[in-house]
Amino acid sequence: MDRFLFLTFDGLATGAVYAAFALALVLIWRAARLVNFAQGAMAVATAYVGYAVVSVTGSYWLGLGAAVLAGLALGALVERVLMRFVGHANPLNDVIVALGLVLLIQAVLGMVFGNEYRPAAAPFDTDALSVGGVAAMSPYDLWVLGAVLAVVVSLGLLFTRTPIGLRMRASAFAPEVSRLLGVNVGRMLTVGWALAAAVGALAGMLVVPTGLGLHPHAMDLVFVVAFTAAVVGGLDSPAGAVVGGLLVGLILSYVTGYLGPDTTPLAILVLLLAVLLVRPGGLFSSVRARHV
């Protein structure tokens, strides 16, 4: 029983990190109706900015703020300079351009900062607290959970209670109708990319101190797992991204703890295939009427 509880706490802590990154994928999907495969590389780039500020100032919080601001700027820049000129009639165009951007960002980071592993310090203690003799979550894990909860609540309010959030969703679902109603669709897309990159930057700053470290390819595997979490929860649901992240974290923890780490990729694949076969829109997707 102690082992099960330990794996559960560990899975929730890990899942919160995946949930933070899945939120960024959900946000760009809601704004532009595409999956940004460059999200991981963009998050690494902003994490380098954040920890450069940390090394200069000694303050994690200033570095966190700098990373989020860098994410806002990078997201807006990518949309304005690159993605705006991609033909969206074929969804494969966005994928190819995003993958090219991944290679470009990773190459630039490698040339500027090098490819060596750089450990990153956490703002709170990462040693697990003991509850009833069972290792539970660390103070840093609690901070990650709180940060993810704050982000998902903020995004929920943004998309359902604010004019700009409603305009962003309208621009994504019906751009032509939105233009007729006076919505600046181009500006809404830029805002959506900027917000998604900012959330990705926050996720990167949460992920790096967990032992992942800082290097140009730090987010490659995290992106794969976070993408699975976003699909499981539903690409149009911030709450689903959180639930999906926590669920994936728990599954990875149980599989690693009871079956060994070699079976982890298989478990992720089985979960993804099961959700796509049973509920392709994700667990939190809305049911749509079928038109005959």
C-alpha atoms as a PDB file:
ATOM      1  CA  MET A   1       0.000   0.000   0.000  1.00  0.00           C
ATOM      2  CA  ASP A   2       2.851   2.393   0.796  1.00  0.00           C
ATOM      3  CA  ARG A   3       4.314   1.762  -2.640  1.00  0.00           C
ATOM      4  CA  PHE A   4       0.963   2.491  -4.307  1.00  0.00           C
ATOM      5  CA  LEU A   5       0.567   5.754  -2.401  1.00  0.00           C
ATOM      6  CA  PHE A   6       4.118   6.799  -3.244  1.00  0.00           C
ATOM      7  CA  LEU A   7       3.545   6.083  -6.943  1.00  0.00           C
ATOM      8  CA  THR A   8       0.255   7.995  -6.824  1.00  0.00           C
ATOM      9  CA  PHE A   9       1.819  11.106  -5.325  1.00  0.00           C
ATOM     10  CA  ASP A  10       4.743  10.861  -7.723  1.00  0.00           C
ATOM     11  CA  GLY A  11       2.391  10.465 -10.687  1.00  0.00           C
ATOM     12  CA  LEU A  12       0.333  13.498  -9.695  1.00  0.00           C
ATOM     13  CA  ALA A  13       3.461  15.615  -9.330  1.00  0.00           C
ATOM     14  CA  THR A  14       4.796  14.498 -12.710  1.00  0.00           C
ATOM     15  CA  GLY A  15       1.372  14.801 -14.304  1.00  0.00           C
ATOM     16  CA  ALA A  16       1.060  18.411 -13.179  1.00  0.00           C
ATOM     17  CA  VAL A  17       4.166  19.230 -15.205  1.00  0.00           C
ATOM     18  CA  TYR A  18       2.719  17.518 -18.289  1.00  0.00           C
ATOM     19  CA  ALA A  19      -0.584  19.301 -17.698  1.00  0.00           C
ATOM     20  CA  ALA A  20       1.142  22.696 -17.740  1.00  0.00           C
ATOM     21  CA  PHE A  21       2.684  21.949 -21.113  1.00  0.00           C
ATOM     22  CA  ALA A  22      -0.551  20.453 -22.476  1.00  0.00           C
ATOM     23  CA  LEU A  23      -2.293  23.711 -21.592  1.00  0.00           C
ATOM     24  CA  ALA A  24      -0.053  25.554 -24.040  1.00  0.00           C
ATOM     25  CA  LEU A  25      -0.998  23.110 -26.804  1.00  0.00           C
ATOM     26  CA  VAL A  26      -4.690  23.502 -26.000  1.00  0.00           C
ATOM     27  CA  LEU A  27      -4.411  27.277 -26.020  1.00  0.00           C
ATOM     28  CA  ILE A  28      -2.909  27.469 -29.506  1.00  0.00           C
ATOM     29  CA  TRP A  29      -5.463  24.941 -30.744  1.00  0.00           C
ATOM     30  CA  ARG A  30      -8.311  27.085 -29.460  1.00  0.00           C
ATOM     31  CA  ALA A  31      -6.815  30.202 -31.024  1.00  0.00           C
ATOM     32  CA  ALA A  32      -5.629  28.902 -34.403  1.00  0.00           C
ATOM     33  CA  ARG A  33      -7.046  25.350 -34.751  1.00  0.00           C
ATOM     34  CA  LEU A  34      -3.608  23.804 -35.201  1.00  0.00           C
ATOM     35  CA  VAL A  35      -1.114  21.829 -33.129  1.00  0.00           C
ATOM     36  CA  ASN A  36       2.102  23.759 -32.664  1.00  0.00           C
ATOM     37  CA  PHE A  37       4.811  21.107 -32.949  1.00  0.00           C
ATOM     38  CA  ALA A  38       7.402  23.800 -32.230  1.00  0.00           C
ATOM     39  CA  GLN A  39       5.948  24.451 -28.767  1.00  0.00           C
ATOM     40  CA  GLY A  40       8.652  22.428 -27.030  1.00  0.00           C
ATOM     41  CA  ALA A  41      11.545  24.153 -28.771  1.00  0.00           C
ATOM     42  CA  MET A  42       9.983  27.561 -28.116  1.00  0.00           C
ATOM     43  CA  ALA A  43       9.629  26.686 -24.425  1.00  0.00           C
ATOM     44  CA  VAL A  44      13.297  25.687 -24.249  1.00  0.00           C
ATOM     45  CA  ALA A  45      14.317  28.990 -25.839  1.00  0.00           C
ATOM     46  CA  THR A  46      12.362  30.995 -23.263  1.00  0.00           C
ATOM     47  CA  ALA A  47      13.731  28.806 -20.457  1.00  0.00           C
ATOM     48  CA  TYR A  48      17.253  29.766 -21.539  1.00  0.00           C
ATOM     49  CA  VAL A  49      16.216  33.417 -21.290  1.00  0.00           C
ATOM     50  CA  GLY A  50      14.723  32.830 -17.856  1.00  0.00           C
ATOM     51  CA  TYR A  51      17.758  31.081 -16.416  1.00  0.00           C
ATOM     52  CA  ALA A  52      20.084  33.661 -17.959  1.00  0.00           C
ATOM     53  CA  VAL A  53      18.222  36.241 -15.870  1.00  0.00           C
ATOM     54  CA  VAL A  54      18.409  33.932 -12.839  1.00  0.00           C
ATOM     55  CA  SER A  55      22.182  33.632 -13.225  1.00  0.00           C
ATOM     56  CA  VAL A  56      22.533  37.421 -13.385  1.00  0.00           C
ATOM     57  CA  THR A  57      20.064  38.435 -10.664  1.00  0.00           C
ATOM     58  CA  GLY A  58      19.988  35.324  -8.468  1.00  0.00           C
ATOM     59  CA  SER A  59      16.174  35.496  -8.410  1.00  0.00           C
ATOM     60  CA  TYR A  60      14.089  32.648  -9.804  1.00  0.00           C
ATOM     61  CA  TRP A  61      11.002  34.849  -9.819  1.00  0.00           C
ATOM     62  CA  LEU A  62      12.627  37.501 -12.003  1.00  0.00           C
ATOM     63  CA  GLY A  63      13.749  34.714 -14.313  1.00  0.00           C
ATOM     64  CA  LEU A  64      10.228  33.305 -14.396  1.00  0.00           C
ATOM     65  CA  GLY A  65       8.817  36.704 -15.319  1.00  0.00           C
ATOM     66  CA  ALA A  66      11.479  37.188 -17.994  1.00  0.00           C
ATOM     67  CA  ALA A  67      10.718  33.757 -19.492  1.00  0.00           C
ATOM     68  CA  VAL A  68       6.984  34.476 -19.671  1.00  0.00           C
ATOM     69  CA  LEU A  69       7.610  37.874 -21.297  1.00  0.00           C
ATOM     70  CA  ALA A  70      10.019  36.224 -23.734  1.00  0.00           C
ATOM     71  CA  GLY A  71       7.299  33.682 -24.516  1.00  0.00           C
ATOM     72  CA  LEU A  72       4.807  36.439 -25.280  1.00  0.00           C
ATOM     73  CA  ALA A  73       7.269  38.120 -27.620  1.00  0.00           C
ATOM     74  CA  LEU A  74       8.409  34.891 -29.305  1.00  0.00           C
ATOM     75  CA  GLY A  75       4.856  33.660 -29.868  1.00  0.00           C
ATOM     76  CA  ALA A  76       3.781  36.951 -31.436  1.00  0.00           C
ATOM     77  CA  LEU A  77       6.939  37.018 -33.568  1.00  0.00           C
ATOM     78  CA  VAL A  78       6.461  33.462 -34.862  1.00  0.00           C
ATOM     79  CA  GLU A  79       2.850  34.172 -35.833  1.00  0.00           C
ATOM     80  CA  ARG A  80       3.570  37.547 -37.426  1.00  0.00           C
ATOM     81  CA  VAL A  81       6.743  36.620 -39.310  1.00  0.00           C
ATOM     82  CA  LEU A  82       6.231  32.925 -40.111  1.00  0.00           C
ATOM     83  CA  MET A  83       2.888  31.224 -39.524  1.00  0.00           C
ATOM     84  CA  ARG A  84       0.787  34.038 -40.987  1.00  0.00           C
ATOM     85  CA  PHE A  85       2.264  33.354 -44.425  1.00  0.00           C
ATOM     86  CA  VAL A  86       1.731  29.586 -44.342  1.00  0.00           C
ATOM     87  CA  GLY A  87      -1.077  28.240 -46.505  1.00  0.00           C
ATOM     88  CA  HIS A  88      -3.562  26.674 -44.085  1.00  0.00           C
ATOM     89  CA  ALA A  89      -5.658  24.884 -46.710  1.00  0.00           C
ATOM     90  CA  ASN A  90      -3.483  21.807 -46.188  1.00  0.00           C
ATOM     91  CA  PRO A  91      -2.884  21.103 -42.460  1.00  0.00           C
ATOM     92  CA  LEU A  92       0.382  19.391 -43.366  1.00  0.00           C
ATOM     93  CA  ASN A  93       1.850  22.792 -44.252  1.00  0.00           C
ATOM     94  CA  ASP A  94       1.650  23.931 -40.628  1.00  0.00           C
ATOM     95  CA  VAL A  95       3.273  20.709 -39.433  1.00  0.00           C
ATOM     96  CA  ILE A  96       6.190  20.992 -41.874  1.00  0.00           C
ATOM     97  CA  VAL A  97       6.841  24.646 -41.030  1.00  0.00           C
ATOM     98  CA  ALA A  98       6.636  23.940 -37.278  1.00  0.00           C
ATOM     99  CA  LEU A  99       9.098  21.062 -37.543  1.00  0.00           C
ATOM    100  CA  GLY A 100      11.447  23.276 -39.523  1.00  0.00           C
ATOM    101  CA  LEU A 101      11.163  25.883 -36.772  1.00  0.00           C
ATOM    102  CA  VAL A 102      12.086  23.216 -34.214  1.00  0.00           C
ATOM    103  CA  LEU A 103      15.304  22.433 -36.088  1.00  0.00           C
ATOM    104  CA  LEU A 104      16.122  26.128 -36.433  1.00  0.00           C
ATOM    105  CA  ILE A 105      15.568  26.945 -32.741  1.00  0.00           C
ATOM    106  CA  GLN A 106      17.524  23.927 -31.537  1.00  0.00           C
ATOM    107  CA  ALA A 107      20.419  24.710 -33.879  1.00  0.00           C
ATOM    108  CA  VAL A 108      20.571  28.346 -32.740  1.00  0.00           C
ATOM    109  CA  LEU A 109      20.419  27.362 -29.065  1.00  0.00           C
ATOM    110  CA  GLY A 110      23.192  24.826 -29.591  1.00  0.00           C
ATOM    111  CA  MET A 111      25.416  27.415 -31.279  1.00  0.00           C
ATOM    112  CA  VAL A 112      24.765  30.126 -28.675  1.00  0.00           C
ATOM    113  CA  PHE A 113      24.603  28.140 -25.430  1.00  0.00           C
ATOM    114  CA  GLY A 114      26.148  24.807 -26.358  1.00  0.00           C
ATOM    115  CA  ASN A 115      24.600  21.347 -26.180  1.00  0.00           C
ATOM    116  CA  GLU A 116      25.810  20.416 -22.707  1.00  0.00           C
ATOM    117  CA  TYR A 117      23.414  19.619 -19.877  1.00  0.00           C
ATOM    118  CA  ARG A 118      22.876  22.486 -17.437  1.00  0.00           C
ATOM    119  CA  PRO A 119      21.262  21.748 -14.063  1.00  0.00           C
ATOM    120  CA  ALA A 120      18.579  24.198 -12.979  1.00  0.00           C
ATOM    121  CA  ALA A 121      17.787  25.032  -9.373  1.00  0.00           C
ATOM    122  CA  ALA A 122      14.190  24.997  -8.097  1.00  0.00           C
ATOM    123  CA  PRO A 123      12.725  27.849  -6.014  1.00  0.00           C
ATOM    124  CA  PHE A 124      11.456  25.392  -3.381  1.00  0.00           C
ATOM    125  CA  ASP A 125      12.723  22.210  -1.778  1.00  0.00           C
ATOM    126  CA  THR A 126      12.336  19.187  -4.067  1.00  0.00           C
ATOM    127  CA  ASP A 127      12.562  16.596  -1.267  1.00  0.00           C
ATOM    128  CA  ALA A 128       9.243  14.844  -0.714  1.00  0.00           C
ATOM    129  CA  LEU A 129       7.364  15.540   2.509  1.00  0.00           C
ATOM    130  CA  SER A 130       6.466  12.511   4.605  1.00  0.00           C
ATOM    131  CA  VAL A 131       2.804  11.939   5.488  1.00  0.00           C
ATOM    132  CA  GLY A 132       2.176   9.020   7.825  1.00  0.00           C
ATOM    133  CA  GLY A 133       5.547   7.549   6.961  1.00  0.00           C
ATOM    134  CA  VAL A 134       4.809   7.681   3.216  1.00  0.00           C
ATOM    135  CA  ALA A 135       6.750  10.018   0.937  1.00  0.00           C
ATOM    136  CA  ALA A 136       4.232  12.437  -0.569  1.00  0.00           C
ATOM    137  CA  MET A 137       4.760  15.607  -2.591  1.00  0.00           C
ATOM    138  CA  SER A 138       7.589  18.075  -2.203  1.00  0.00           C
ATOM    139  CA  PRO A 139       7.055  21.818  -1.689  1.00  0.00           C
ATOM    140  CA  TYR A 140       8.079  22.306  -5.315  1.00  0.00           C
ATOM    141  CA  ASP A 141       5.437  19.797  -6.464  1.00  0.00           C
ATOM    142  CA  LEU A 142       2.809  21.760  -4.530  1.00  0.00           C
ATOM    143  CA  TRP A 143       3.991  24.968  -6.212  1.00  0.00           C
ATOM    144  CA  VAL A 144       3.647  23.325  -9.644  1.00  0.00           C
ATOM    145  CA  LEU A 145       0.132  22.103  -8.855  1.00  0.00           C
ATOM    146  CA  GLY A 146      -0.872  25.555  -7.614  1.00  0.00           C
ATOM    147  CA  ALA A 147       0.594  27.267 -10.679  1.00  0.00           C
ATOM    148  CA  VAL A 148      -1.178  24.897 -13.068  1.00  0.00           C
ATOM    149  CA  LEU A 149      -4.480  25.348 -11.239  1.00  0.00           C
ATOM    150  CA  ALA A 150      -4.130  29.136 -11.395  1.00  0.00           C
ATOM    151  CA  VAL A 151      -3.384  29.018 -15.125  1.00  0.00           C
ATOM    152  CA  VAL A 152      -6.331  26.767 -15.989  1.00  0.00           C
ATOM    153  CA  VAL A 153      -8.738  28.918 -13.970  1.00  0.00           C
ATOM    154  CA  SER A 154      -7.391  32.062 -15.629  1.00  0.00           C
ATOM    155  CA  LEU A 155      -7.726  30.530 -19.099  1.00  0.00           C
ATOM    156  CA  GLY A 156     -11.248  29.365 -18.337  1.00  0.00           C
ATOM    157  CA  LEU A 157     -12.243  32.866 -17.291  1.00  0.00           C
ATOM    158  CA  LEU A 158     -10.468  34.361 -20.295  1.00  0.00           C
ATOM    159  CA  PHE A 159     -12.298  32.233 -22.859  1.00  0.00           C
ATOM    160  CA  THR A 160     -15.742  32.365 -21.252  1.00  0.00           C
ATOM    161  CA  ARG A 161     -16.001  35.689 -19.421  1.00  0.00           C
ATOM    162  CA  THR A 162     -13.943  38.238 -21.369  1.00  0.00           C
ATOM    163  CA  PRO A 163     -14.622  39.882 -24.764  1.00  0.00           C
ATOM    164  CA  ILE A 164     -11.095  39.184 -26.047  1.00  0.00           C
ATOM    165  CA  GLY A 165     -11.372  35.500 -25.167  1.00  0.00           C
ATOM    166  CA  LEU A 166     -14.705  35.177 -26.957  1.00  0.00           C
ATOM    167  CA  ARG A 167     -13.294  37.005 -29.984  1.00  0.00           C
ATOM    168  CA  MET A 168     -10.305  34.642 -30.036  1.00  0.00           C
ATOM    169  CA  ARG A 169     -12.581  31.598 -30.101  1.00  0.00           C
ATOM    170  CA  ALA A 170     -14.840  33.145 -32.734  1.00  0.00           C
ATOM    171  CA  SER A 171     -11.824  33.968 -34.901  1.00  0.00           C
ATOM    172  CA  ALA A 172     -10.665  30.363 -34.708  1.00  0.00           C
ATOM    173  CA  PHE A 173     -14.020  28.722 -35.428  1.00  0.00           C
ATOM    174  CA  ALA A 174     -15.486  31.177 -37.971  1.00  0.00           C
ATOM    175  CA  PRO A 175     -12.895  33.698 -39.185  1.00  0.00           C
ATOM    176  CA  GLU A 176     -14.968  35.027 -42.107  1.00  0.00           C
ATOM    177  CA  VAL A 177     -18.050  35.606 -39.985  1.00  0.00           C
ATOM    178  CA  SER A 178     -15.889  37.213 -37.301  1.00  0.00           C
ATOM    179  CA  ARG A 179     -14.449  39.653 -39.846  1.00  0.00           C
ATOM    180  CA  LEU A 180     -17.962  40.621 -40.914  1.00  0.00           C
ATOM    181  CA  LEU A 181     -18.779  41.339 -37.267  1.00  0.00           C
ATOM    182  CA  GLY A 182     -15.777  43.656 -36.942  1.00  0.00           C
ATOM    183  CA  VAL A 183     -13.316  41.317 -35.215  1.00  0.00           C
ATOM    184  CA  ASN A 184      -9.655  41.788 -36.150  1.00  0.00           C
ATOM    185  CA  VAL A 185      -8.932  38.110 -36.807  1.00  0.00           C
ATOM    186  CA  GLY A 186      -5.231  38.638 -37.484  1.00  0.00           C
ATOM    187  CA  ARG A 187      -4.749  40.392 -34.181  1.00  0.00           C
ATOM    188  CA  MET A 188      -6.637  37.652 -32.325  1.00  0.00           C
ATOM    189  CA  LEU A 189      -4.371  35.012 -33.861  1.00  0.00           C
ATOM    190  CA  THR A 190      -1.306  36.956 -32.743  1.00  0.00           C
ATOM    191  CA  VAL A 191      -2.712  37.220 -29.208  1.00  0.00           C
ATOM    192  CA  GLY A 192      -3.460  33.497 -29.205  1.00  0.00           C
ATOM    193  CA  TRP A 193       0.075  32.582 -30.265  1.00  0.00           C
ATOM    194  CA  ALA A 194       1.553  34.973 -27.721  1.00  0.00           C
ATOM    195  CA  LEU A 195      -0.541  33.555 -24.868  1.00  0.00           C
ATOM    196  CA  ALA A 196       0.214  29.968 -25.869  1.00  0.00           C
ATOM    197  CA  ALA A 197       3.945  30.663 -25.963  1.00  0.00           C
ATOM    198  CA  ALA A 198       3.741  32.414 -22.581  1.00  0.00           C
ATOM    199  CA  VAL A 199       2.016  29.393 -21.029  1.00  0.00           C
ATOM    200  CA  GLY A 200       4.611  27.167 -22.699  1.00  0.00           C
ATOM    201  CA  ALA A 201       7.354  29.326 -21.190  1.00  0.00           C
ATOM    202  CA  LEU A 202       5.802  28.899 -17.748  1.00  0.00           C
ATOM    203  CA  ALA A 203       5.589  25.149 -18.333  1.00  0.00           C
ATOM    204  CA  GLY A 204       9.247  25.084 -19.352  1.00  0.00           C
ATOM    205  CA  MET A 205      10.287  26.879 -16.190  1.00  0.00           C
ATOM    206  CA  LEU A 206       8.257  24.359 -14.185  1.00  0.00           C
ATOM    207  CA  VAL A 207       9.666  21.327 -16.006  1.00  0.00           C
ATOM    208  CA  VAL A 208      13.375  22.143 -16.116  1.00  0.00           C
ATOM    209  CA  PRO A 209      14.055  22.059 -12.326  1.00  0.00           C
ATOM    210  CA  THR A 210      12.504  18.585 -11.969  1.00  0.00           C
ATOM    211  CA  GLY A 211      15.797  16.970 -13.013  1.00  0.00           C
ATOM    212  CA  LEU A 212      15.252  17.412 -16.729  1.00  0.00           C
ATOM    213  CA  GLY A 213      17.931  20.087 -16.884  1.00  0.00           C
ATOM    214  CA  LEU A 214      18.461  22.696 -19.561  1.00  0.00           C
ATOM    215  CA  HIS A 215      19.718  21.780 -23.042  1.00  0.00           C
ATOM    216  CA  PRO A 216      18.383  22.384 -26.578  1.00  0.00           C
ATOM    217  CA  HIS A 217      16.527  19.042 -26.721  1.00  0.00           C
ATOM    218  CA  ALA A 218      15.166  19.165 -23.170  1.00  0.00           C
ATOM    219  CA  MET A 219      11.491  19.283 -24.208  1.00  0.00           C
ATOM    220  CA  ASP A 220      11.461  16.642 -26.955  1.00  0.00           C
ATOM    221  CA  LEU A 221      10.090  13.790 -24.849  1.00  0.00           C
ATOM    222  CA  VAL A 222       8.016  16.156 -22.706  1.00  0.00           C
ATOM    223  CA  PHE A 223       6.260  17.396 -25.838  1.00  0.00           C
ATOM    224  CA  VAL A 224       5.315  13.843 -26.870  1.00  0.00           C
ATOM    225  CA  VAL A 225       3.839  13.059 -23.457  1.00  0.00           C
ATOM    226  CA  ALA A 226       2.125  16.462 -23.181  1.00  0.00           C
ATOM    227  CA  PHE A 227       0.625  16.041 -26.662  1.00  0.00           C
ATOM    228  CA  THR A 228      -0.800  12.700 -25.529  1.00  0.00           C
ATOM    229  CA  ALA A 229      -2.221  14.386 -22.433  1.00  0.00           C
ATOM    230  CA  ALA A 230      -3.836  17.129 -24.528  1.00  0.00           C
ATOM    231  CA  VAL A 231      -5.410  14.602 -26.898  1.00  0.00           C
ATOM    232  CA  VAL A 232      -6.649  12.459 -23.997  1.00  0.00           C
ATOM    233  CA  GLY A 233      -8.299  15.418 -22.283  1.00  0.00           C
ATOM    234  CA  GLY A 234      -9.482  17.135 -25.447  1.00  0.00           C
ATOM    235  CA  LEU A 235      -7.629  19.746 -27.477  1.00  0.00           C
ATOM    236  CA  ASP A 236     -10.418  22.274 -26.951  1.00  0.00           C
ATOM    237  CA  SER A 237     -10.576  21.937 -23.153  1.00  0.00           C
ATOM    238  CA  PRO A 238      -8.115  23.560 -20.708  1.00  0.00           C
ATOM    239  CA  ALA A 239      -9.620  21.506 -17.890  1.00  0.00           C
ATOM    240  CA  GLY A 240      -9.254  18.405 -20.040  1.00  0.00           C
ATOM    241  CA  ALA A 241      -5.573  19.168 -20.554  1.00  0.00           C
ATOM    242  CA  VAL A 242      -5.061  19.226 -16.796  1.00  0.00           C
ATOM    243  CA  VAL A 243      -6.999  16.007 -16.239  1.00  0.00           C
ATOM    244  CA  GLY A 244      -5.213  14.387 -19.167  1.00  0.00           C
ATOM    245  CA  GLY A 245      -1.832  15.451 -17.815  1.00  0.00           C
ATOM    246  CA  LEU A 246      -2.580  14.077 -14.365  1.00  0.00           C
ATOM    247  CA  LEU A 247      -3.952  10.841 -15.850  1.00  0.00           C
ATOM    248  CA  VAL A 248      -0.891  10.358 -18.043  1.00  0.00           C
ATOM    249  CA  GLY A 249       1.362  11.112 -15.085  1.00  0.00           C
ATOM    250  CA  LEU A 250      -0.380   8.488 -12.965  1.00  0.00           C
ATOM    251  CA  ILE A 251      -0.231   5.868 -15.712  1.00  0.00           C
ATOM    252  CA  LEU A 252       3.469   6.503 -16.293  1.00  0.00           C
ATOM    253  CA  SER A 253       4.161   6.271 -12.569  1.00  0.00           C
ATOM    254  CA  TYR A 254       2.231   3.006 -12.095  1.00  0.00           C
ATOM    255  CA  VAL A 255       3.684   1.394 -15.213  1.00  0.00           C
ATOM    256  CA  THR A 256       7.226   2.409 -14.300  1.00  0.00           C
ATOM    257  CA  GLY A 257       6.800   1.321 -10.680  1.00  0.00           C
ATOM    258  CA  TYR A 258       5.188  -2.075 -11.325  1.00  0.00           C
ATOM    259  CA  LEU A 259       6.291  -3.094 -14.826  1.00  0.00           C
ATOM    260  CA  GLY A 260       9.538  -1.180 -15.309  1.00  0.00           C
ATOM    261  CA  PRO A 261      10.511   1.896 -17.324  1.00  0.00           C
ATOM    262  CA  ASP A 262      10.939  -0.053 -20.572  1.00  0.00           C
ATOM    263  CA  THR A 263       7.154  -0.436 -20.911  1.00  0.00           C
ATOM    264  CA  THR A 264       6.410   3.269 -20.473  1.00  0.00           C
ATOM    265  CA  PRO A 265       6.359   4.194 -24.205  1.00  0.00           C
ATOM    266  CA  LEU A 266       4.017   1.284 -24.901  1.00  0.00           C
ATOM    267  CA  ALA A 267       1.649   2.427 -22.152  1.00  0.00           C
ATOM    268  CA  ILE A 268       1.485   5.944 -23.621  1.00  0.00           C
ATOM    269  CA  LEU A 269       0.783   4.537 -27.092  1.00  0.00           C
ATOM    270  CA  VAL A 270      -1.953   2.218 -25.812  1.00  0.00           C
ATOM    271  CA  LEU A 271      -3.627   5.076 -23.920  1.00  0.00           C
ATOM    272  CA  LEU A 272      -3.499   7.372 -26.962  1.00  0.00           C
ATOM    273  CA  LEU A 273      -4.913   4.715 -29.290  1.00  0.00           C
ATOM    274  CA  ALA A 274      -7.673   3.793 -26.828  1.00  0.00           C
ATOM    275  CA  VAL A 275      -8.848   7.389 -26.514  1.00  0.00           C
ATOM    276  CA  LEU A 276      -8.697   8.000 -30.277  1.00  0.00           C
ATOM    277  CA  LEU A 277     -10.751   4.849 -30.924  1.00  0.00           C
ATOM    278  CA  VAL A 278     -13.360   5.365 -28.200  1.00  0.00           C
ATOM    279  CA  ARG A 279     -13.609   9.164 -28.041  1.00  0.00           C
ATOM    280  CA  PRO A 280     -11.504  10.826 -30.761  1.00  0.00           C
ATOM    281  CA  GLY A 281     -12.255  14.349 -29.525  1.00  0.00           C
ATOM    282  CA  GLY A 282     -10.915  13.585 -26.055  1.00  0.00           C
ATOM    283  CA  LEU A 283     -12.562  12.815 -22.748  1.00  0.00           C
ATOM    284  CA  PHE A 284     -13.792  16.383 -22.285  1.00  0.00           C
ATOM    285  CA  SER A 285     -14.907  17.049 -25.853  1.00  0.00           C
ATOM    286  CA  SER A 286     -18.439  18.271 -26.436  1.00  0.00           C
ATOM    287  CA  VAL A 287     -20.833  16.008 -28.270  1.00  0.00           C
ATOM    288  CA  ARG A 288     -21.765  17.341 -31.696  1.00  0.00           C
ATOM    289  CA  ALA A 289     -24.808  16.515 -33.721  1.00  0.00           C
ATOM    290  CA  ARG A 290     -24.147  14.573 -36.919  1.00  0.00           C
ATOM    291  CA  HIS A 291     -25.616  16.114 -40.050  1.00  0.00           C
ATOM    292  CA  VAL A 292     -26.791  13.633 -42.666  1.00  0.00           C
END
